[in-house]
Protein backbone atom coordinates (compact mmCIF):
# COMPACT_ATOMS: atom_id res chain seq x y z
CA MET A 1 -40.37 -15.70 -40.28
CA LYS A 2 -43.73 -14.00 -40.80
CA LEU A 3 -45.48 -13.60 -44.15
CA TYR A 4 -48.25 -11.03 -44.43
CA GLY A 5 -50.89 -11.29 -47.15
CA THR A 6 -53.91 -13.27 -48.25
CA GLY A 7 -53.26 -16.54 -50.04
CA TYR A 8 -55.64 -15.39 -52.76
CA SER A 9 -52.95 -13.00 -54.01
CA PRO A 10 -50.70 -14.36 -56.79
CA TYR A 11 -47.86 -12.30 -55.34
CA VAL A 12 -48.26 -13.77 -51.87
CA ARG A 13 -48.53 -17.20 -53.48
CA LYS A 14 -45.11 -16.71 -55.05
CA VAL A 15 -43.59 -16.43 -51.59
CA LEU A 16 -45.66 -19.29 -50.18
CA VAL A 17 -44.36 -21.56 -52.96
CA ALA A 18 -40.75 -20.49 -52.39
CA LEU A 19 -41.03 -21.07 -48.63
CA ALA A 20 -42.49 -24.52 -49.28
CA GLU A 21 -39.76 -25.37 -51.78
CA LYS A 22 -37.10 -24.33 -49.28
CA ARG A 23 -38.90 -26.08 -46.40
CA GLN A 24 -38.94 -23.02 -44.17
CA ASP A 25 -41.11 -22.69 -41.08
CA PHE A 26 -43.07 -19.45 -40.96
CA GLU A 27 -46.20 -17.80 -39.66
CA HIS A 28 -48.73 -16.81 -42.31
CA ILE A 29 -50.81 -13.74 -41.46
CA PRO A 30 -53.47 -13.65 -44.22
CA LEU A 31 -54.51 -10.03 -44.35
CA PHE A 32 -55.44 -7.87 -47.34
CA PHE A 33 -53.57 -4.90 -48.76
CA HIS A 34 -53.74 -1.61 -46.85
CA ASP A 35 -54.64 -3.45 -43.64
CA THR A 36 -54.18 -1.24 -40.59
CA ASP A 37 -52.18 -3.83 -38.64
CA PRO A 38 -49.15 -1.86 -37.33
CA ALA A 39 -46.68 -4.72 -37.86
CA PHE A 40 -47.82 -5.11 -41.46
CA GLN A 41 -47.63 -1.38 -42.08
CA ALA A 42 -44.08 -1.34 -40.73
CA ALA A 43 -43.08 -4.12 -43.11
CA SER A 44 -44.93 -2.68 -46.12
CA PRO A 45 -44.75 1.12 -46.23
CA LEU A 46 -46.92 1.15 -49.38
CA GLY A 47 -49.53 -1.11 -47.81
CA LYS A 48 -49.09 -3.74 -50.51
CA ILE A 49 -48.85 -7.51 -50.12
CA PRO A 50 -46.83 -9.56 -49.54
CA ALA A 51 -44.78 -8.20 -46.68
CA PHE A 52 -42.20 -10.16 -44.76
CA ASP A 53 -40.58 -10.12 -41.33
CA ASP A 54 -37.56 -12.31 -40.66
CA ASP A 55 -36.64 -11.73 -37.04
CA GLY A 56 -36.97 -7.98 -37.42
CA PHE A 57 -35.69 -7.73 -41.00
CA LEU A 58 -38.63 -6.19 -42.84
CA LEU A 59 -39.19 -6.44 -46.57
CA ALA A 60 -42.00 -5.94 -49.07
CA ASP A 61 -42.49 -7.01 -52.73
CA SER A 62 -42.58 -10.65 -53.80
CA SER A 63 -39.50 -10.49 -56.02
CA ALA A 64 -37.44 -8.77 -53.34
CA ILE A 65 -38.53 -11.35 -50.77
CA LEU A 66 -37.67 -14.26 -53.07
CA THR A 67 -34.25 -12.75 -53.82
CA TYR A 68 -33.62 -12.49 -50.08
CA LEU A 69 -34.78 -16.07 -49.46
CA GLU A 70 -32.55 -17.36 -52.24
CA ALA A 71 -29.50 -15.72 -50.68
CA LYS A 72 -30.36 -16.87 -47.17
CA VAL A 73 -31.46 -20.41 -48.10
CA PRO A 74 -29.68 -21.23 -51.38
CA SER A 75 -30.79 -24.85 -51.58
CA PRO A 76 -32.85 -25.88 -53.41
CA ALA A 77 -32.01 -23.12 -55.85
CA LEU A 78 -34.87 -21.18 -57.43
CA TYR A 79 -32.59 -18.92 -59.48
CA PRO A 80 -30.32 -20.42 -62.17
CA THR A 81 -26.57 -19.79 -61.97
CA ASP A 82 -25.92 -19.78 -65.72
CA ALA A 83 -25.91 -16.18 -66.95
CA LYS A 84 -28.32 -16.68 -69.83
CA ALA A 85 -30.70 -18.85 -67.81
CA LEU A 86 -30.67 -16.36 -64.94
CA GLY A 87 -31.47 -13.52 -67.34
CA ARG A 88 -34.43 -15.45 -68.76
CA ALA A 89 -35.66 -16.38 -65.30
CA ILE A 90 -35.62 -12.74 -64.19
CA TRP A 91 -37.42 -11.79 -67.41
CA PHE A 92 -40.21 -14.30 -66.76
CA ASP A 93 -40.50 -13.07 -63.18
CA LYS A 94 -41.08 -9.56 -64.52
CA TYR A 95 -43.39 -10.85 -67.27
CA GLY A 96 -45.58 -12.69 -64.77
CA ASP A 97 -45.70 -9.77 -62.34
CA THR A 98 -46.39 -7.04 -64.88
CA GLU A 99 -47.46 -8.07 -68.38
CA MET A 100 -49.56 -11.04 -67.24
CA PHE A 101 -50.97 -10.01 -63.88
CA ASP A 102 -53.19 -7.11 -64.92
CA VAL A 103 -54.88 -9.30 -67.55
CA ILE A 104 -55.07 -12.74 -65.97
CA ILE A 105 -56.52 -11.31 -62.74
CA LYS A 106 -59.54 -9.71 -64.45
CA PRO A 107 -61.82 -12.79 -64.43
CA PHE A 108 -61.03 -13.40 -60.76
CA ALA A 109 -61.52 -9.75 -59.82
CA ASN A 110 -64.89 -9.54 -61.57
CA ARG A 111 -66.28 -12.99 -60.76
CA VAL A 112 -64.90 -13.56 -57.27
CA VAL A 113 -63.51 -10.46 -55.56
CA LYS A 114 -66.19 -7.93 -56.45
CA PRO A 115 -69.37 -10.05 -56.15
CA LYS A 116 -68.31 -12.48 -53.42
CA MET A 117 -65.90 -10.47 -51.28
CA GLN A 118 -66.97 -6.87 -51.79
CA GLY A 119 -70.68 -7.25 -52.55
CA LYS A 120 -70.32 -5.31 -55.79
CA PRO A 121 -71.31 -6.27 -59.34
CA GLY A 122 -68.55 -7.62 -61.54
CA ASP A 123 -67.84 -6.42 -65.05
CA GLU A 124 -68.44 -9.41 -67.31
CA ALA A 125 -67.58 -7.33 -70.38
CA ALA A 126 -64.09 -6.86 -68.97
CA VAL A 127 -63.86 -10.61 -68.40
CA THR A 128 -64.89 -11.34 -71.98
CA LYS A 129 -62.35 -8.87 -73.34
CA ALA A 130 -59.60 -10.42 -71.25
CA LEU A 131 -60.46 -13.94 -72.35
CA THR A 132 -60.96 -13.22 -76.06
CA GLU A 133 -58.57 -10.34 -76.78
CA GLU A 134 -55.97 -9.82 -74.08
CA LEU A 135 -55.01 -13.30 -72.86
CA PRO A 136 -54.61 -15.05 -76.26
CA PRO A 137 -51.43 -13.12 -77.22
CA ILE A 138 -49.96 -13.98 -73.82
CA TYR A 139 -50.88 -17.61 -74.29
CA ASP A 140 -49.40 -17.59 -77.80
CA TYR A 141 -46.11 -16.26 -76.44
CA LEU A 142 -45.92 -18.78 -73.60
CA GLU A 143 -46.87 -21.67 -75.89
CA ALA A 144 -43.89 -20.77 -78.06
CA GLN A 145 -41.55 -20.54 -75.06
CA ILE A 146 -42.35 -23.92 -73.51
CA ASP A 147 -39.89 -26.63 -74.48
CA GLY A 148 -39.95 -29.09 -71.62
CA PRO A 149 -41.29 -29.30 -68.09
CA TYR A 150 -39.85 -25.92 -67.06
CA LEU A 151 -39.62 -22.51 -68.67
CA VAL A 152 -35.90 -22.09 -68.09
CA GLY A 153 -33.42 -24.94 -68.33
CA ASP A 154 -34.05 -28.26 -66.68
CA ALA A 155 -35.07 -27.13 -63.19
CA PHE A 156 -38.04 -25.51 -61.47
CA SER A 157 -37.33 -21.83 -60.91
CA ILE A 158 -38.65 -18.35 -60.18
CA ALA A 159 -39.75 -18.27 -63.82
CA ASP A 160 -42.26 -21.08 -63.28
CA ILE A 161 -43.48 -19.65 -59.98
CA SER A 162 -44.13 -16.18 -61.36
CA VAL A 163 -45.77 -17.23 -64.61
CA VAL A 164 -48.04 -19.94 -63.22
CA THR A 165 -49.19 -18.35 -59.95
CA GLY A 166 -51.94 -16.27 -61.62
CA PHE A 167 -53.46 -19.26 -63.40
CA HIS A 168 -54.86 -20.50 -60.10
CA ASN A 169 -56.89 -17.30 -59.85
CA LEU A 170 -58.07 -17.90 -63.39
CA HIS A 171 -59.25 -21.37 -62.36
CA LEU A 172 -61.09 -19.93 -59.36
CA ALA A 173 -62.97 -17.72 -61.83
CA GLY A 174 -64.08 -20.80 -63.77
CA GLU A 175 -61.70 -20.45 -66.70
CA ARG A 176 -58.85 -22.60 -67.98
CA VAL A 177 -56.38 -22.57 -70.85
CA ASP A 178 -57.90 -24.14 -73.97
CA ALA A 179 -55.84 -27.31 -74.35
CA GLY A 180 -56.92 -27.66 -77.96
CA ARG A 181 -55.48 -24.28 -78.92
CA TRP A 182 -52.54 -24.12 -76.48
CA PRO A 183 -51.71 -27.75 -75.60
CA LYS A 184 -48.20 -27.18 -74.26
CA LEU A 185 -49.27 -24.30 -72.06
CA ALA A 186 -52.31 -26.13 -70.67
CA ALA A 187 -50.24 -29.20 -69.77
CA TYR A 188 -47.44 -27.07 -68.31
CA VAL A 189 -49.79 -25.05 -66.09
CA ASP A 190 -51.52 -28.16 -64.78
CA ALA A 191 -48.18 -29.84 -64.02
CA ILE A 192 -46.74 -26.86 -62.15
CA LEU A 193 -49.92 -26.30 -60.13
CA ALA A 194 -49.79 -29.98 -59.12
CA ARG A 195 -46.28 -29.58 -57.71
CA PRO A 196 -46.28 -30.18 -53.90
CA SER A 197 -45.10 -26.66 -53.10
CA PHE A 198 -47.94 -25.18 -55.14
CA VAL A 199 -50.48 -27.54 -53.57
CA THR A 200 -49.31 -26.38 -50.13
CA ALA A 201 -49.49 -22.74 -51.19
CA LEU A 202 -52.94 -23.11 -52.74
CA ALA A 203 -54.27 -24.58 -49.50
CA ALA A 204 -53.28 -21.36 -47.72
CA ARG A 205 -56.00 -19.39 -49.49
CA THR A 206 -58.71 -21.10 -47.44
CA SER A 207 -57.43 -19.31 -44.34
CA ALA A 208 -57.46 -15.95 -46.07
CA ASN A 209 -61.18 -15.31 -46.47
């Protein structure tokens, strides 16, 4: 197995966590999106990360890759079998990838990517807007959804991976969830990020500079 994409990406991190949970051996190739590497381009026709190669089976998109991994390596399960739980897990996967990503990534993009990786000035006004106007409604929603150690049922799942992955980028930008205002969310994020599979995945970013 080969996984293409920098460990700084929340989407790549989703796959890194799943591979760690399922104890799969793989080669991590930490390149950025639109890299000209021919093997990467073959696996990701849109040039996006992550991309995946399993002995010649090529696939792009984090959710597609995780669905494939779940079918190939069903234990430990990352997708619930109960119909209602599965529906909620898929919803949170979408919520993390779409509704959350564009907002939670703004501090990281403007405080880390632009100034430190691209040599460009960041937009602190955009960061302030994200922190004070755009993220609070998301935090309010998640605070209301948390009722235990996991978002769906009594087991770690794709829901937890997809929702929490972006919070690491928030931490790299020097921001955290206000535990006084959102105590359940703050504790939940810290607990999931401390999970061994996440710790392993987070370490991968150091090789993706």
